[in-house]
Protein backbone atom coordinates (compact mmCIF):
# COMPACT_ATOMS: atom_id res chain seq x y z
CA MET A 1 210.03 159.15 88.65
CA ALA A 2 212.49 156.80 86.79
CA SER A 3 211.72 153.11 86.65
CA ARG A 4 213.34 151.12 89.47
CA LEU A 5 215.53 148.28 88.18
CA LEU A 6 216.88 147.07 91.48
CA GLU A 7 215.41 147.54 94.92
CA VAL A 8 217.08 145.94 97.93
CA SER A 9 215.59 146.44 101.48
CA GLU A 10 217.07 145.00 104.67
CA LEU A 11 218.63 142.14 102.81
CA THR A 12 220.16 139.46 104.96
CA LEU A 13 221.96 136.34 104.01
CA THR A 14 222.76 133.66 106.59
CA LEU A 15 224.53 130.33 106.24
CA ALA A 16 223.02 127.16 107.60
CA ASP A 17 225.36 127.26 110.63
CA GLY A 18 224.04 130.79 111.50
CA THR A 19 226.99 132.69 110.16
CA PRO A 20 225.64 136.04 108.68
CA LEU A 21 227.14 136.98 105.43
CA LEU A 22 224.90 140.01 104.72
CA ARG A 23 223.05 142.07 107.29
CA GLY A 24 220.56 144.90 106.48
CA VAL A 25 221.72 145.76 102.99
CA THR A 26 219.47 148.47 101.45
CA LEU A 27 220.04 150.11 98.07
CA HIS A 28 218.29 150.92 94.78
CA VAL A 29 219.14 151.50 91.18
CA ASP A 30 216.91 153.42 88.82
CA ALA A 31 216.90 153.16 85.09
CA GLY A 32 219.69 155.15 83.60
CA GLU A 33 221.54 155.39 86.94
CA THR A 34 224.99 154.03 87.68
CA VAL A 35 225.74 152.91 91.10
CA GLY A 36 229.00 151.66 92.59
CA LEU A 37 229.23 149.43 95.64
CA VAL A 38 232.40 150.34 97.59
CA GLY A 39 233.78 148.56 100.53
CA GLU A 40 236.74 146.40 101.68
CA SER A 41 237.41 142.99 100.45
CA GLY A 42 234.95 140.45 101.88
CA SER A 43 232.37 143.12 102.83
CA GLY A 44 229.61 141.59 100.64
CA LYS A 45 229.65 143.65 97.36
CA SER A 46 229.79 140.68 95.06
CA LEU A 47 227.53 138.64 97.32
CA THR A 48 224.78 141.27 97.15
CA ALA A 49 225.05 141.30 93.35
CA ARG A 50 225.01 137.49 93.29
CA ALA A 51 221.97 137.33 95.50
CA ALA A 52 220.00 139.48 93.10
CA LEU A 53 220.43 136.65 90.50
CA GLY A 54 219.77 133.80 92.97
CA LEU A 55 223.51 132.82 93.05
CA THR A 56 223.80 132.32 96.74
CA PRO A 57 225.57 129.59 98.60
CA ALA A 58 223.71 126.24 99.08
CA ALA A 59 221.73 125.99 102.30
CA ALA A 60 221.97 129.83 102.84
CA THR A 61 218.85 131.66 103.83
CA LEU A 62 217.89 135.05 102.32
CA GLY A 63 215.75 137.53 104.20
CA GLY A 64 214.42 141.02 103.58
CA SER A 65 213.38 141.93 100.04
CA MET A 66 215.23 142.21 96.78
CA ARG A 67 213.33 143.13 93.61
CA VAL A 68 214.87 143.00 90.26
CA THR A 69 212.78 144.75 87.51
CA GLY A 70 209.87 144.60 89.86
CA ARG A 71 210.18 140.89 90.50
CA GLU A 72 210.74 139.71 94.19
CA MET A 73 213.75 137.38 94.24
CA VAL A 74 213.73 136.51 97.98
CA GLY A 75 211.80 133.24 98.18
CA ALA A 76 211.22 133.24 94.37
CA HIS A 77 210.64 129.97 92.54
CA ARG A 78 213.62 128.78 90.54
CA LYS A 79 211.90 129.21 87.19
CA ASP A 80 211.23 132.84 88.03
CA VAL A 81 214.77 133.38 89.03
CA LEU A 82 215.89 131.94 85.76
CA ARG A 83 213.41 134.16 83.86
CA VAL A 84 214.98 137.28 85.56
CA ARG A 85 218.47 136.00 84.59
CA ARG A 86 217.37 135.51 80.92
CA GLU A 87 215.25 138.65 80.55
CA GLY A 88 215.89 141.22 83.25
CA ALA A 89 219.46 141.25 84.60
CA ALA A 90 222.96 140.15 83.87
CA MET A 91 226.17 140.02 85.83
CA VAL A 92 229.79 140.27 84.62
CA PHE A 93 232.08 138.55 87.14
CA GLN A 94 235.41 140.05 88.07
CA ASP A 95 237.44 137.09 86.68
CA PRO A 96 236.19 136.62 83.10
CA ARG A 97 237.92 133.20 82.83
CA SER A 98 235.81 131.67 85.56
CA GLY A 99 232.58 132.27 83.58
CA ILE A 100 233.49 130.83 80.17
CA ASN A 101 234.22 127.37 78.92
CA PRO A 102 237.82 127.26 77.69
CA MET A 103 237.04 124.50 75.17
CA ARG A 104 234.40 126.46 73.27
CA THR A 105 234.86 129.32 70.88
CA ILE A 106 233.77 132.88 71.66
CA GLY A 107 231.18 132.52 68.96
CA ASP A 108 229.64 129.53 70.73
CA HIS A 109 229.64 131.43 74.06
CA MET A 110 228.08 134.48 72.42
CA THR A 111 225.34 132.75 70.38
CA GLU A 112 224.21 129.84 72.52
CA THR A 113 221.59 131.65 74.65
CA MET A 114 220.32 133.55 71.58
CA ARG A 115 219.78 130.33 69.64
CA LEU A 116 218.55 128.04 72.41
CA VAL A 117 216.50 130.44 74.61
CA GLU A 118 215.53 133.19 72.26
CA HIS A 119 215.17 130.85 69.27
CA CYS A 120 217.16 133.07 66.96
CA SER A 121 218.48 131.59 63.77
CA ALA A 122 222.22 130.84 63.69
CA ALA A 123 222.67 133.68 61.19
CA ASP A 124 220.77 136.19 63.31
CA ALA A 125 222.68 135.13 66.47
CA HIS A 126 225.94 135.46 64.60
CA THR A 127 225.05 138.94 63.35
CA ARG A 128 224.04 140.08 66.90
CA ALA A 129 227.27 138.64 68.36
CA LEU A 130 229.36 140.56 65.75
CA ASP A 131 227.44 143.80 66.67
CA LEU A 132 227.94 143.27 70.35
CA LEU A 133 231.67 142.59 69.99
CA ASP A 134 231.96 145.69 67.87
CA ALA A 135 229.96 147.70 70.50
CA VAL A 136 232.55 146.74 73.14
CA ARG A 137 235.27 147.87 70.76
CA LEU A 138 236.95 144.59 70.08
CA PRO A 139 238.86 144.83 66.80
CA ASP A 140 237.93 142.38 64.08
CA PRO A 141 234.95 140.78 65.70
CA ARG A 142 234.55 138.21 62.97
CA ALA A 143 237.97 136.67 63.74
CA HIS A 144 237.38 136.79 67.48
CA LEU A 145 234.16 134.74 67.07
CA ARG A 146 236.32 131.80 65.94
CA GLN A 147 238.93 132.13 68.80
CA HIS A 148 239.08 130.38 72.20
CA PRO A 149 239.27 132.17 75.58
CA HIS A 150 242.98 131.50 76.09
CA GLU A 151 243.71 133.56 72.93
CA PHE A 152 242.56 136.72 74.66
CA SER A 153 244.14 139.01 77.17
CA GLY A 154 242.19 139.45 80.46
CA GLY A 155 240.88 142.93 79.41
CA MET A 156 239.74 141.63 76.00
CA LEU A 157 238.01 138.63 77.58
CA GLN A 158 236.27 140.96 80.06
CA ARG A 159 234.84 142.82 76.99
CA VAL A 160 233.68 139.49 75.60
CA MET A 161 231.87 138.75 78.90
CA ILE A 162 230.28 142.23 78.79
CA ALA A 163 229.06 141.63 75.23
CA GLY A 164 227.81 138.10 76.27
CA ALA A 165 225.94 139.62 79.18
CA LEU A 166 224.18 141.96 76.69
CA THR A 167 223.03 139.27 74.29
CA SER A 168 219.60 139.09 75.99
CA SER A 169 219.31 142.96 76.23
CA PRO A 170 218.94 142.99 80.07
CA SER A 171 217.39 145.95 81.79
CA CYS A 172 220.11 145.94 84.42
């Protein structure tokens, strides 16, 4: 059997006032598998993915079970959730401009985690960033590292965000 990367069982998410946002979500994703969540706007697709990374609304209550690379996320300590975000999973948001600081260069965005969390040298982080921008097929990665987000089209910036999500080599 393939390794299970994500396993969600009877997931619920309820706001402090009792409003249910998710009810009984169950799904799994195995290594090498691609899964698409389909539903109308507001049905909880993004919220389910955000919950996997501990990105839920303040004062909301999670119930059920959600395991990311074997680690239980429901009720997990903040440091464990951060570890999963750094080592096990990454998320690319639909709007790439909402997840990047417009005042910093793409190179800063791409290399910061590698330098500060993984303790890569600046040169190694720079090389990995070039390789990742090349992997997502951005032309002239070296020039792009010096640019700011406003200099990119939405599609190009989405590729930058995908490359950024891959900097820590997540499992899912």
